[in-house]
PDB file of N, CA and C in Angstrom:
ATOM      1  N   MET A   1       9.547 -10.387  -0.999  1.00  0.00           N
ATOM      2  CA  MET A   1       8.504  -9.646  -1.665  1.00  0.00           C
ATOM      3  C   MET A   1       7.208  -9.809  -0.856  1.00  0.00           C
ATOM      4  N   THR A   2       6.506  -8.718  -0.688  1.00  0.00           N
ATOM      5  CA  THR A   2       5.204  -8.732  -0.049  1.00  0.00           C
ATOM      6  C   THR A   2       4.145  -8.781  -1.122  1.00  0.00           C
ATOM      7  N   VAL A   3       3.211  -9.703  -0.975  1.00  0.00           N
ATOM      8  CA  VAL A   3       2.097  -9.810  -1.897  1.00  0.00           C
ATOM      9  C   VAL A   3       0.857  -9.282  -1.190  1.00  0.00           C
ATOM     10  N   ILE A   4       0.231  -8.317  -1.806  1.00  0.00           N
ATOM     11  CA  ILE A   4      -0.999  -7.710  -1.274  1.00  0.00           C
ATOM     12  C   ILE A   4      -2.122  -8.214  -2.161  1.00  0.00           C
ATOM     13  N   ARG A   5      -2.989  -9.050  -1.599  1.00  0.00           N
ATOM     14  CA  ARG A   5      -4.120  -9.610  -2.374  1.00  0.00           C
ATOM     15  C   ARG A   5      -5.355  -8.870  -1.892  1.00  0.00           C
ATOM     16  N   ILE A   6      -6.075  -8.277  -2.858  1.00  0.00           N
ATOM     17  CA  ILE A   6      -7.296  -7.547  -2.562  1.00  0.00           C
ATOM     18  C   ILE A   6      -8.468  -8.394  -3.028  1.00  0.00           C
ATOM     19  N   PHE A   7      -9.375  -8.667  -2.093  1.00  0.00           N
ATOM     20  CA  PHE A   7     -10.555  -9.483  -2.387  1.00  0.00           C
ATOM     21  C   PHE A   7     -11.673  -8.608  -2.901  1.00  0.00           C
ATOM     22  N   VAL A   8     -12.261  -9.000  -4.023  1.00  0.00           N
ATOM     23  CA  VAL A   8     -13.381  -8.271  -4.621  1.00  0.00           C
ATOM     24  C   VAL A   8     -14.515  -9.221  -4.938  1.00  0.00           C
ATOM     25  N   ASN A   9     -15.731  -8.691  -4.994  1.00  0.00           N
ATOM     26  CA  ASN A   9     -16.862  -9.510  -5.408  1.00  0.00           C
ATOM     27  C   ASN A   9     -17.094  -9.316  -6.908  1.00  0.00           C
ATOM     28  N   ASP A  10     -18.164  -9.923  -7.441  1.00  0.00           N
ATOM     29  CA  ASP A  10     -18.397  -9.825  -8.867  1.00  0.00           C
ATOM     30  C   ASP A  10     -18.810  -8.436  -9.338  1.00  0.00           C
ATOM     31  N   ASN A  11     -19.091  -7.541  -8.391  1.00  0.00           N
ATOM     32  CA  ASN A  11     -19.367  -6.143  -8.722  1.00  0.00           C
ATOM     33  C   ASN A  11     -18.124  -5.265  -8.578  1.00  0.00           C
ATOM     34  N   ASP A  12     -16.973  -5.878  -8.318  1.00  0.00           N
ATOM     35  CA  ASP A  12     -15.703  -5.196  -8.053  1.00  0.00           C
ATOM     36  C   ASP A  12     -15.722  -4.377  -6.771  1.00  0.00           C
ATOM     37  N   ASP A  13     -16.606  -4.707  -5.839  1.00  0.00           N
ATOM     38  CA  ASP A  13     -16.584  -4.114  -4.521  1.00  0.00           C
ATOM     39  C   ASP A  13     -15.470  -4.797  -3.728  1.00  0.00           C
ATOM     40  N   VAL A  14     -14.625  -4.029  -3.077  1.00  0.00           N
ATOM     41  CA  VAL A  14     -13.563  -4.606  -2.268  1.00  0.00           C
ATOM     42  C   VAL A  14     -14.166  -5.153  -0.965  1.00  0.00           C
ATOM     43  N   LEU A  15     -13.837  -6.392  -0.641  1.00  0.00           N
ATOM     44  CA  LEU A  15     -14.357  -7.015   0.566  1.00  0.00           C
ATOM     45  C   LEU A  15     -13.290  -7.315   1.601  1.00  0.00           C
ATOM     46  N   GLY A  16     -12.030  -7.105   1.258  1.00  0.00           N
ATOM     47  CA  GLY A  16     -10.965  -7.376   2.230  1.00  0.00           C
ATOM     48  C   GLY A  16      -9.626  -7.477   1.558  1.00  0.00           C
ATOM     49  N   PHE A  17      -8.662  -7.984   2.322  1.00  0.00           N
ATOM     50  CA  PHE A  17      -7.290  -8.049   1.847  1.00  0.00           C
ATOM     51  C   PHE A  17      -6.506  -9.140   2.564  1.00  0.00           C
ATOM     52  N   ARG A  18      -5.437  -9.577   1.934  1.00  0.00           N
ATOM     53  CA  ARG A  18      -4.463 -10.461   2.559  1.00  0.00           C
ATOM     54  C   ARG A  18      -3.070  -9.935   2.221  1.00  0.00           C
ATOM     55  N   ILE A  19      -2.247  -9.792   3.210  1.00  0.00           N
ATOM     56  CA  ILE A  19      -0.867  -9.345   3.025  1.00  0.00           C
ATOM     57  C   ILE A  19       0.021 -10.471   3.506  1.00  0.00           C
ATOM     58  N   SER A  20       0.964 -10.901   2.644  1.00  0.00           N
ATOM     59  CA  SER A  20       1.837 -11.967   3.069  1.00  0.00           C
ATOM     60  C   SER A  20       3.252 -11.754   2.565  1.00  0.00           C
ATOM     61  N   GLY A  21       4.186 -12.146   3.396  1.00  0.00           N
ATOM     62  CA  GLY A  21       5.602 -12.045   3.040  1.00  0.00           C
ATOM     63  C   GLY A  21       6.235 -10.782   3.545  1.00  0.00           C
ATOM     64  N   HIS A  22       7.554 -10.819   3.562  1.00  0.00           N
ATOM     65  CA  HIS A  22       8.339  -9.659   3.977  1.00  0.00           C
ATOM     66  C   HIS A  22       8.917  -8.990   2.733  1.00  0.00           C
ATOM     67  N   ALA A  23       8.871  -7.701   2.704  1.00  0.00           N
ATOM     68  CA  ALA A  23       9.320  -6.960   1.529  1.00  0.00           C
ATOM     69  C   ALA A  23      10.808  -7.171   1.239  1.00  0.00           C
ATOM     70  N   GLY A  24      11.611  -7.165   2.272  1.00  0.00           N
ATOM     71  CA  GLY A  24      13.058  -7.332   2.081  1.00  0.00           C
ATOM     72  C   GLY A  24      13.750  -6.063   1.607  1.00  0.00           C
ATOM     73  N   ALA A  25      13.148  -4.907   1.900  1.00  0.00           N
ATOM     74  CA  ALA A  25      13.725  -3.639   1.493  1.00  0.00           C
ATOM     75  C   ALA A  25      14.716  -3.102   2.522  1.00  0.00           C
ATOM     76  N   GLY A  26      14.842  -3.788   3.619  1.00  0.00           N
ATOM     77  CA  GLY A  26      15.761  -3.366   4.688  1.00  0.00           C
ATOM     78  C   GLY A  26      15.878  -4.463   5.708  1.00  0.00           C
ATOM     79  N   THR A  27      16.670  -4.226   6.709  1.00  0.00           N
ATOM     80  CA  THR A  27      16.831  -5.221   7.754  1.00  0.00           C
ATOM     81  C   THR A  27      15.572  -5.282   8.605  1.00  0.00           C
ATOM     82  N   GLU A  28      15.392  -6.379   9.310  1.00  0.00           N
ATOM     83  CA  GLU A  28      14.229  -6.534  10.167  1.00  0.00           C
ATOM     84  C   GLU A  28      14.151  -5.378  11.145  1.00  0.00           C
ATOM     85  N   GLY A  29      12.995  -4.772  11.194  1.00  0.00           N
ATOM     86  CA  GLY A  29      12.773  -3.610  12.049  1.00  0.00           C
ATOM     87  C   GLY A  29      13.123  -2.289  11.412  1.00  0.00           C
ATOM     88  N   ASN A  30      13.759  -2.340  10.242  1.00  0.00           N
ATOM     89  CA  ASN A  30      14.139  -1.117   9.518  1.00  0.00           C
ATOM     90  C   ASN A  30      13.686  -1.159   8.075  1.00  0.00           C
ATOM     91  N   ASP A  31      12.665  -1.927   7.768  1.00  0.00           N
ATOM     92  CA  ASP A  31      12.170  -2.064   6.401  1.00  0.00           C
ATOM     93  C   ASP A  31      11.022  -1.080   6.192  1.00  0.00           C
ATOM     94  N   VAL A  32      11.321   0.006   5.458  1.00  0.00           N
ATOM     95  CA  VAL A  32      10.312   1.059   5.266  1.00  0.00           C
ATOM     96  C   VAL A  32       9.121   0.590   4.432  1.00  0.00           C
ATOM     97  N   VAL A  33       9.341  -0.356   3.527  1.00  0.00           N
ATOM     98  CA  VAL A  33       8.213  -0.862   2.725  1.00  0.00           C
ATOM     99  C   VAL A  33       7.274  -1.674   3.599  1.00  0.00           C
ATOM    100  N   CYS A  34       7.803  -2.573   4.401  1.00  0.00           N
ATOM    101  CA  CYS A  34       6.966  -3.322   5.339  1.00  0.00           C
ATOM    102  C   CYS A  34       6.236  -2.385   6.301  1.00  0.00           C
ATOM    103  N   ALA A  35       6.932  -1.390   6.772  1.00  0.00           N
ATOM    104  CA  ALA A  35       6.321  -0.429   7.699  1.00  0.00           C
ATOM    105  C   ALA A  35       5.186   0.322   7.019  1.00  0.00           C
ATOM    106  N   ALA A  36       5.386   0.715   5.798  1.00  0.00           N
ATOM    107  CA  ALA A  36       4.319   1.482   5.076  1.00  0.00           C
ATOM    108  C   ALA A  36       3.113   0.591   4.843  1.00  0.00           C
ATOM    109  N   ILE A  37       3.341  -0.636   4.401  1.00  0.00           N
ATOM    110  CA  ILE A  37       2.227  -1.572   4.154  1.00  0.00           C
ATOM    111  C   ILE A  37       1.498  -1.857   5.456  1.00  0.00           C
ATOM    112  N   SER A  38       2.234  -2.072   6.533  1.00  0.00           N
ATOM    113  CA  SER A  38       1.588  -2.316   7.831  1.00  0.00           C
ATOM    114  C   SER A  38       0.806  -1.141   8.314  1.00  0.00           C
ATOM    115  N   ALA A  39       1.331   0.063   8.113  1.00  0.00           N
ATOM    116  CA  ALA A  39       0.624   1.270   8.533  1.00  0.00           C
ATOM    117  C   ALA A  39      -0.721   1.399   7.802  1.00  0.00           C
ATOM    118  N   VAL A  40      -0.724   1.157   6.502  1.00  0.00           N
ATOM    119  CA  VAL A  40      -1.966   1.215   5.747  1.00  0.00           C
ATOM    120  C   VAL A  40      -2.934   0.150   6.256  1.00  0.00           C
ATOM    121  N   ALA A  41      -2.463  -1.066   6.413  1.00  0.00           N
ATOM    122  CA  ALA A  41      -3.324  -2.170   6.830  1.00  0.00           C
ATOM    123  C   ALA A  41      -3.944  -1.947   8.208  1.00  0.00           C
ATOM    124  N   TYR A  42      -3.122  -1.557   9.189  1.00  0.00           N
ATOM    125  CA  TYR A  42      -3.658  -1.289  10.537  1.00  0.00           C
ATOM    126  C   TYR A  42      -4.606  -0.107  10.533  1.00  0.00           C
ATOM    127  N   THR A  43      -4.331   0.907   9.733  1.00  0.00           N
ATOM    128  CA  THR A  43      -5.223   2.069   9.645  1.00  0.00           C
ATOM    129  C   THR A  43      -6.562   1.660   9.059  1.00  0.00           C
ATOM    130  N   ILE A  44      -6.547   0.792   8.053  1.00  0.00           N
ATOM    131  CA  ILE A  44      -7.791   0.336   7.461  1.00  0.00           C
ATOM    132  C   ILE A  44      -8.614  -0.467   8.454  1.00  0.00           C
ATOM    133  N   LEU A  45      -7.986  -1.391   9.179  1.00  0.00           N
ATOM    134  CA  LEU A  45      -8.719  -2.145  10.183  1.00  0.00           C
ATOM    135  C   LEU A  45      -9.316  -1.215  11.245  1.00  0.00           C
ATOM    136  N   GLY A  46      -8.533  -0.264  11.734  1.00  0.00           N
ATOM    137  CA  GLY A  46      -9.017   0.661  12.731  1.00  0.00           C
ATOM    138  C   GLY A  46     -10.157   1.517  12.204  1.00  0.00           C
ATOM    139  N   SER A  47     -10.041   1.935  10.965  1.00  0.00           N
ATOM    140  CA  SER A  47     -11.094   2.768  10.349  1.00  0.00           C
ATOM    141  C   SER A  47     -12.377   1.981  10.160  1.00  0.00           C
ATOM    142  N   LEU A  48     -12.263   0.727   9.702  1.00  0.00           N
ATOM    143  CA  LEU A  48     -13.460  -0.086   9.567  1.00  0.00           C
ATOM    144  C   LEU A  48     -14.176  -0.251  10.918  1.00  0.00           C
ATOM    145  N   GLU A  49     -13.378  -0.488  11.943  1.00  0.00           N
ATOM    146  CA  GLU A  49     -13.960  -0.687  13.257  1.00  0.00           C
ATOM    147  C   GLU A  49     -14.551   0.597  13.838  1.00  0.00           C
ATOM    148  N   GLN A  50     -13.792   1.670  13.799  1.00  0.00           N
ATOM    149  CA  GLN A  50     -14.187   2.899  14.477  1.00  0.00           C
ATOM    150  C   GLN A  50     -15.143   3.772  13.670  1.00  0.00           C
ATOM    151  N   LEU A  51     -15.012   3.766  12.356  1.00  0.00           N
ATOM    152  CA  LEU A  51     -15.838   4.652  11.526  1.00  0.00           C
ATOM    153  C   LEU A  51     -17.040   3.964  10.909  1.00  0.00           C
ATOM    154  N   ALA A  52     -16.955   2.654  10.729  1.00  0.00           N
ATOM    155  CA  ALA A  52     -18.044   1.933  10.080  1.00  0.00           C
ATOM    156  C   ALA A  52     -18.660   0.847  10.956  1.00  0.00           C
ATOM    157  N   ASN A  53     -18.188   0.729  12.206  1.00  0.00           N
ATOM    158  CA  ASN A  53     -18.707  -0.254  13.137  1.00  0.00           C
ATOM    159  C   ASN A  53     -18.653  -1.680  12.601  1.00  0.00           C
ATOM    160  N   VAL A  54     -17.590  -1.991  11.880  1.00  0.00           N
ATOM    161  CA  VAL A  54     -17.379  -3.340  11.356  1.00  0.00           C
ATOM    162  C   VAL A  54     -16.671  -4.153  12.416  1.00  0.00           C
ATOM    163  N   ASP A  55     -17.139  -5.368  12.637  1.00  0.00           N
ATOM    164  CA  ASP A  55     -16.480  -6.283  13.563  1.00  0.00           C
ATOM    165  C   ASP A  55     -15.226  -6.830  12.892  1.00  0.00           C
ATOM    166  N   ILE A  56     -14.065  -6.481  13.392  1.00  0.00           N
ATOM    167  CA  ILE A  56     -12.809  -6.908  12.795  1.00  0.00           C
ATOM    168  C   ILE A  56     -12.158  -8.059  13.559  1.00  0.00           C
ATOM    169  N   SER A  57     -12.934  -8.673  14.453  1.00  0.00           N
ATOM    170  CA  SER A  57     -12.346  -9.744  15.314  1.00  0.00           C
ATOM    171  C   SER A  57     -11.886 -10.947  14.497  1.00  0.00           C
ATOM    172  N   SER A  58     -12.371 -11.057  13.267  1.00  0.00           N
ATOM    173  CA  SER A  58     -11.952 -12.208  12.439  1.00  0.00           C
ATOM    174  C   SER A  58     -10.620 -11.947  11.723  1.00  0.00           C
ATOM    175  N   ALA A  59     -10.045 -10.757  11.913  1.00  0.00           N
ATOM    176  CA  ALA A  59      -8.755 -10.457  11.284  1.00  0.00           C
ATOM    177  C   ALA A  59      -7.697 -11.418  11.793  1.00  0.00           C
ATOM    178  N   LYS A  60      -6.872 -11.887  10.871  1.00  0.00           N
ATOM    179  CA  LYS A  60      -5.783 -12.790  11.220  1.00  0.00           C
ATOM    180  C   LYS A  60      -4.470 -12.013  11.057  1.00  0.00           C
ATOM    181  N   ILE A  61      -3.693 -11.984  12.107  1.00  0.00           N
ATOM    182  CA  ILE A  61      -2.459 -11.216  12.117  1.00  0.00           C
ATOM    183  C   ILE A  61      -1.334 -12.055  12.730  1.00  0.00           C
ATOM    184  N   SER A  62      -0.259 -12.186  11.983  1.00  0.00           N
ATOM    185  CA  SER A  62       0.934 -12.855  12.507  1.00  0.00           C
ATOM    186  C   SER A  62       2.130 -12.252  11.786  1.00  0.00           C
ATOM    187  N   ASP A  63       3.306 -12.721  12.093  1.00  0.00           N
ATOM    188  CA  ASP A  63       4.526 -12.196  11.507  1.00  0.00           C
ATOM    189  C   ASP A  63       4.487 -12.356   9.985  1.00  0.00           C
ATOM    190  N   GLY A  64       4.510 -11.253   9.283  1.00  0.00           N
ATOM    191  CA  GLY A  64       4.531 -11.285   7.828  1.00  0.00           C
ATOM    192  C   GLY A  64       3.195 -11.632   7.195  1.00  0.00           C
ATOM    193  N   PHE A  65       2.096 -11.533   7.969  1.00  0.00           N
ATOM    194  CA  PHE A  65       0.811 -11.937   7.455  1.00  0.00           C
ATOM    195  C   PHE A  65      -0.308 -11.118   8.121  1.00  0.00           C
ATOM    196  N   MET A  66      -1.258 -10.655   7.325  1.00  0.00           N
ATOM    197  CA  MET A  66      -2.470 -10.043   7.837  1.00  0.00           C
ATOM    198  C   MET A  66      -3.585 -10.319   6.840  1.00  0.00           C
ATOM    199  N   GLU A  67      -4.756 -10.706   7.360  1.00  0.00           N
ATOM    200  CA  GLU A  67      -5.892 -10.945   6.479  1.00  0.00           C
ATOM    201  C   GLU A  67      -7.159 -10.500   7.145  1.00  0.00           C
ATOM    202  N   PHE A  68      -8.004  -9.837   6.381  1.00  0.00           N
ATOM    203  CA  PHE A  68      -9.351  -9.501   6.839  1.00  0.00           C
ATOM    204  C   PHE A  68     -10.275  -9.526   5.646  1.00  0.00           C
ATOM    205  N   LYS A  69     -11.417 -10.154   5.829  1.00  0.00           N
ATOM    206  CA  LYS A  69     -12.419 -10.200   4.771  1.00  0.00           C
ATOM    207  C   LYS A  69     -13.788 -10.071   5.410  1.00  0.00           C
ATOM    208  N   LEU A  70     -14.613  -9.209   4.825  1.00  0.00           N
ATOM    209  CA  LEU A  70     -15.996  -9.126   5.274  1.00  0.00           C
ATOM    210  C   LEU A  70     -16.649 -10.476   5.060  1.00  0.00           C
ATOM    211  N   SER A  71     -17.542 -10.836   5.969  1.00  0.00           N
ATOM    212  CA  SER A  71     -18.180 -12.153   5.863  1.00  0.00           C
ATOM    213  C   SER A  71     -19.272 -12.160   4.810  1.00  0.00           C
ATOM    214  N   GLY A  72     -19.684 -11.012   4.360  1.00  0.00           N
ATOM    215  CA  GLY A  72     -20.732 -10.923   3.320  1.00  0.00           C
ATOM    216  C   GLY A  72     -20.611  -9.583   2.630  1.00  0.00           C
ATOM    217  N   ASP A  73     -21.749  -9.009   2.305  1.00  0.00           N
ATOM    218  CA  ASP A  73     -21.759  -7.690   1.703  1.00  0.00           C
ATOM    219  C   ASP A  73     -21.437  -6.624   2.732  1.00  0.00           C
ATOM    220  N   TYR A  74     -21.392  -5.397   2.283  1.00  0.00           N
ATOM    221  CA  TYR A  74     -21.120  -4.285   3.183  1.00  0.00           C
ATOM    222  C   TYR A  74     -22.218  -4.227   4.258  1.00  0.00           C
ATOM    223  N   PRO A  75     -21.842  -3.856   5.477  1.00  0.00           N
ATOM    224  CA  PRO A  75     -22.819  -3.781   6.558  1.00  0.00           C
ATOM    225  C   PRO A  75     -23.929  -2.766   6.270  1.00  0.00           C
ATOM    226  N   ASP A  76     -25.130  -3.065   6.722  1.00  0.00           N
ATOM    227  CA  ASP A  76     -26.223  -2.122   6.556  1.00  0.00           C
ATOM    228  C   ASP A  76     -25.914  -0.790   7.198  1.00  0.00           C
ATOM    229  N   GLY A  77     -26.268   0.273   6.531  1.00  0.00           N
ATOM    230  CA  GLY A  77     -26.105   1.605   7.087  1.00  0.00           C
ATOM    231  C   GLY A  77     -24.744   2.237   6.857  1.00  0.00           C
ATOM    232  N   THR A  78     -23.759   1.468   6.382  1.00  0.00           N
ATOM    233  CA  THR A  78     -22.416   2.043   6.228  1.00  0.00           C
ATOM    234  C   THR A  78     -21.764   1.696   4.889  1.00  0.00           C
ATOM    235  N   PRO A  79     -22.504   1.350   3.849  1.00  0.00           N
ATOM    236  CA  PRO A  79     -21.826   0.919   2.630  1.00  0.00           C
ATOM    237  C   PRO A  79     -20.933   1.989   2.025  1.00  0.00           C
ATOM    238  N   ASP A  80     -21.334   3.257   2.070  1.00  0.00           N
ATOM    239  CA  ASP A  80     -20.516   4.325   1.507  1.00  0.00           C
ATOM    240  C   ASP A  80     -19.226   4.501   2.320  1.00  0.00           C
ATOM    241  N   VAL A  81     -19.311   4.365   3.640  1.00  0.00           N
ATOM    242  CA  VAL A  81     -18.139   4.516   4.499  1.00  0.00           C
ATOM    243  C   VAL A  81     -17.173   3.360   4.235  1.00  0.00           C
ATOM    244  N   VAL A  82     -17.689   2.144   4.209  1.00  0.00           N
ATOM    245  CA  VAL A  82     -16.853   0.977   3.976  1.00  0.00           C
ATOM    246  C   VAL A  82     -16.191   1.064   2.613  1.00  0.00           C
ATOM    247  N   SER A  83     -16.963   1.439   1.604  1.00  0.00           N
ATOM    248  CA  SER A  83     -16.430   1.565   0.261  1.00  0.00           C
ATOM    249  C   SER A  83     -15.306   2.605   0.198  1.00  0.00           C
ATOM    250  N   CYS A  84     -15.514   3.707   0.857  1.00  0.00           N
ATOM    251  CA  CYS A  84     -14.475   4.779   0.905  1.00  0.00           C
ATOM    252  C   CYS A  84     -13.215   4.292   1.630  1.00  0.00           C
ATOM    253  N   ILE A  85     -13.376   3.590   2.726  1.00  0.00           N
ATOM    254  CA  ILE A  85     -12.243   3.067   3.461  1.00  0.00           C
ATOM    255  C   ILE A  85     -11.442   2.110   2.605  1.00  0.00           C
ATOM    256  N   PHE A  86     -12.128   1.174   1.952  1.00  0.00           N
ATOM    257  CA  PHE A  86     -11.421   0.216   1.107  1.00  0.00           C
ATOM    258  C   PHE A  86     -10.790   0.909  -0.114  1.00  0.00           C
ATOM    259  N   ALA A  87     -11.446   1.925  -0.661  1.00  0.00           N
ATOM    260  CA  ALA A  87     -10.869   2.657  -1.798  1.00  0.00           C
ATOM    261  C   ALA A  87      -9.589   3.376  -1.357  1.00  0.00           C
ATOM    262  N   THR A  88      -9.587   3.911  -0.156  1.00  0.00           N
ATOM    263  CA  THR A  88      -8.402   4.541   0.401  1.00  0.00           C
ATOM    264  C   THR A  88      -7.278   3.537   0.565  1.00  0.00           C
ATOM    265  N   MET A  89      -7.626   2.326   1.021  1.00  0.00           N
ATOM    266  CA  MET A  89      -6.652   1.261   1.150  1.00  0.00           C
ATOM    267  C   MET A  89      -6.022   0.935  -0.184  1.00  0.00           C
ATOM    268  N   GLU A  90      -6.857   0.817  -1.217  1.00  0.00           N
ATOM    269  CA  GLU A  90      -6.317   0.510  -2.562  1.00  0.00           C
ATOM    270  C   GLU A  90      -5.333   1.574  -3.035  1.00  0.00           C
ATOM    271  N   VAL A  91      -5.692   2.841  -2.822  1.00  0.00           N
ATOM    272  CA  VAL A  91      -4.805   3.933  -3.225  1.00  0.00           C
ATOM    273  C   VAL A  91      -3.471   3.831  -2.491  1.00  0.00           C
ATOM    274  N   GLY A  92      -3.524   3.612  -1.178  1.00  0.00           N
ATOM    275  CA  GLY A  92      -2.301   3.494  -0.395  1.00  0.00           C
ATOM    276  C   GLY A  92      -1.413   2.367  -0.860  1.00  0.00           C
ATOM    277  N   PHE A  93      -2.017   1.185  -1.059  1.00  0.00           N
ATOM    278  CA  PHE A  93      -1.240   0.041  -1.529  1.00  0.00           C
ATOM    279  C   PHE A  93      -0.704   0.259  -2.936  1.00  0.00           C
ATOM    280  N   GLN A  94      -1.516   0.857  -3.824  1.00  0.00           N
ATOM    281  CA  GLN A  94      -1.048   1.126  -5.186  1.00  0.00           C
ATOM    282  C   GLN A  94       0.143   2.077  -5.196  1.00  0.00           C
ATOM    283  N   GLN A  95       0.113   3.079  -4.323  1.00  0.00           N
ATOM    284  CA  GLN A  95       1.238   4.014  -4.275  1.00  0.00           C
ATOM    285  C   GLN A  95       2.505   3.320  -3.776  1.00  0.00           C
ATOM    286  N   ILE A  96       2.370   2.464  -2.785  1.00  0.00           N
ATOM    287  CA  ILE A  96       3.533   1.738  -2.292  1.00  0.00           C
ATOM    288  C   ILE A  96       4.083   0.803  -3.386  1.00  0.00           C
ATOM    289  N   ALA A  97       3.183  -0.005  -3.978  1.00  0.00           N
ATOM    290  CA  ALA A  97       3.629  -0.935  -5.003  1.00  0.00           C
ATOM    291  C   ALA A  97       4.171  -0.199  -6.219  1.00  0.00           C
ATOM    292  N   GLY A  98       3.625   0.970  -6.543  1.00  0.00           N
ATOM    293  CA  GLY A  98       4.099   1.746  -7.659  1.00  0.00           C
ATOM    294  C   GLY A  98       5.504   2.283  -7.427  1.00  0.00           C
ATOM    295  N   SER A  99       5.792   2.647  -6.218  1.00  0.00           N
ATOM    296  CA  SER A  99       7.126   3.190  -5.874  1.00  0.00           C
ATOM    297  C   SER A  99       8.147   2.114  -5.546  1.00  0.00           C
ATOM    298  N   TYR A 100       7.672   0.992  -5.043  1.00  0.00           N
ATOM    299  CA  TYR A 100       8.573  -0.081  -4.588  1.00  0.00           C
ATOM    300  C   TYR A 100       8.173  -1.417  -5.186  1.00  0.00           C
ATOM    301  N   GLY A 101       7.961  -1.461  -6.504  1.00  0.00           N
ATOM    302  CA  GLY A 101       7.497  -2.642  -7.175  1.00  0.00           C
ATOM    303  C   GLY A 101       8.378  -3.868  -7.025  1.00  0.00           C
ATOM    304  N   GLN A 102       9.645  -3.643  -6.763  1.00  0.00           N
ATOM    305  CA  GLN A 102      10.542  -4.809  -6.572  1.00  0.00           C
ATOM    306  C   GLN A 102      10.338  -5.450  -5.198  1.00  0.00           C
ATOM    307  N   TYR A 103       9.589  -4.780  -4.305  1.00  0.00           N
ATOM    308  CA  TYR A 103       9.386  -5.288  -2.953  1.00  0.00           C
ATOM    309  C   TYR A 103       7.914  -5.622  -2.624  1.00  0.00           C
ATOM    310  N   ALA A 104       6.995  -5.110  -3.443  1.00  0.00           N
ATOM    311  CA  ALA A 104       5.571  -5.331  -3.155  1.00  0.00           C
ATOM    312  C   ALA A 104       4.784  -5.364  -4.453  1.00  0.00           C
ATOM    313  N   ARG A 105       3.821  -6.273  -4.496  1.00  0.00           N
ATOM    314  CA  ARG A 105       2.933  -6.314  -5.657  1.00  0.00           C
ATOM    315  C   ARG A 105       1.502  -6.531  -5.194  1.00  0.00           C
ATOM    316  N   ILE A 106       0.553  -6.111  -6.026  1.00  0.00           N
ATOM    317  CA  ILE A 106      -0.852  -6.240  -5.716  1.00  0.00           C
ATOM    318  C   ILE A 106      -1.475  -7.261  -6.681  1.00  0.00           C
ATOM    319  N   GLU A 107      -2.301  -8.106  -6.129  1.00  0.00           N
ATOM    320  CA  GLU A 107      -3.090  -9.057  -6.908  1.00  0.00           C
ATOM    321  C   GLU A 107      -4.541  -8.916  -6.480  1.00  0.00           C
ATOM    322  N   TYR A 108      -5.443  -9.209  -7.396  1.00  0.00           N
ATOM    323  CA  TYR A 108      -6.878  -9.173  -7.081  1.00  0.00           C
ATOM    324  C   TYR A 108      -7.440 -10.579  -7.169  1.00  0.00           C
ATOM    325  N   GLU A 109      -8.369 -10.884  -6.258  1.00  0.00           N
ATOM    326  CA  GLU A 109      -9.011 -12.191  -6.269  1.00  0.00           C
ATOM    327  C   GLU A 109     -10.502 -12.016  -6.068  1.00  0.00           C
ATOM    328  N   GLU A 110     -11.272 -12.586  -6.982  1.00  0.00           N
ATOM    329  CA  GLU A 110     -12.720 -12.537  -6.828  1.00  0.00           C
ATOM    330  C   GLU A 110     -13.140 -13.585  -5.825  1.00  0.00           C
ATOM    331  N   VAL A 111     -13.963 -13.174  -4.876  1.00  0.00           N
ATOM    332  CA  VAL A 111     -14.441 -14.088  -3.831  1.00  0.00           C
ATOM    333  C   VAL A 111     -15.951 -14.156  -3.842  1.00  0.00           C
TER     334      VAL A 111
END
């Protein structure tokens, strides 16, 4: 099971995410749930970097694990872009977990 943890602040602004575990929906290299989750996560990191000029160098990525969290509030000048990117991430993860709940779940953590 893959656990997708979405980090939020006390205003419910999304500040990042942690993905851990393997979905187990297929054999290694052929797991469509893992592939879908990875595609969303890498797209979000790329979008934060390229569209909102967020430094993503603190992202931690290893086998079955990815984590990124903003170090503080949304960067100056791009809060609407960052908010939209994270909202898109939530929708993507919710759709995956909604369709493949036996392989992926979402949890929220206030940070």
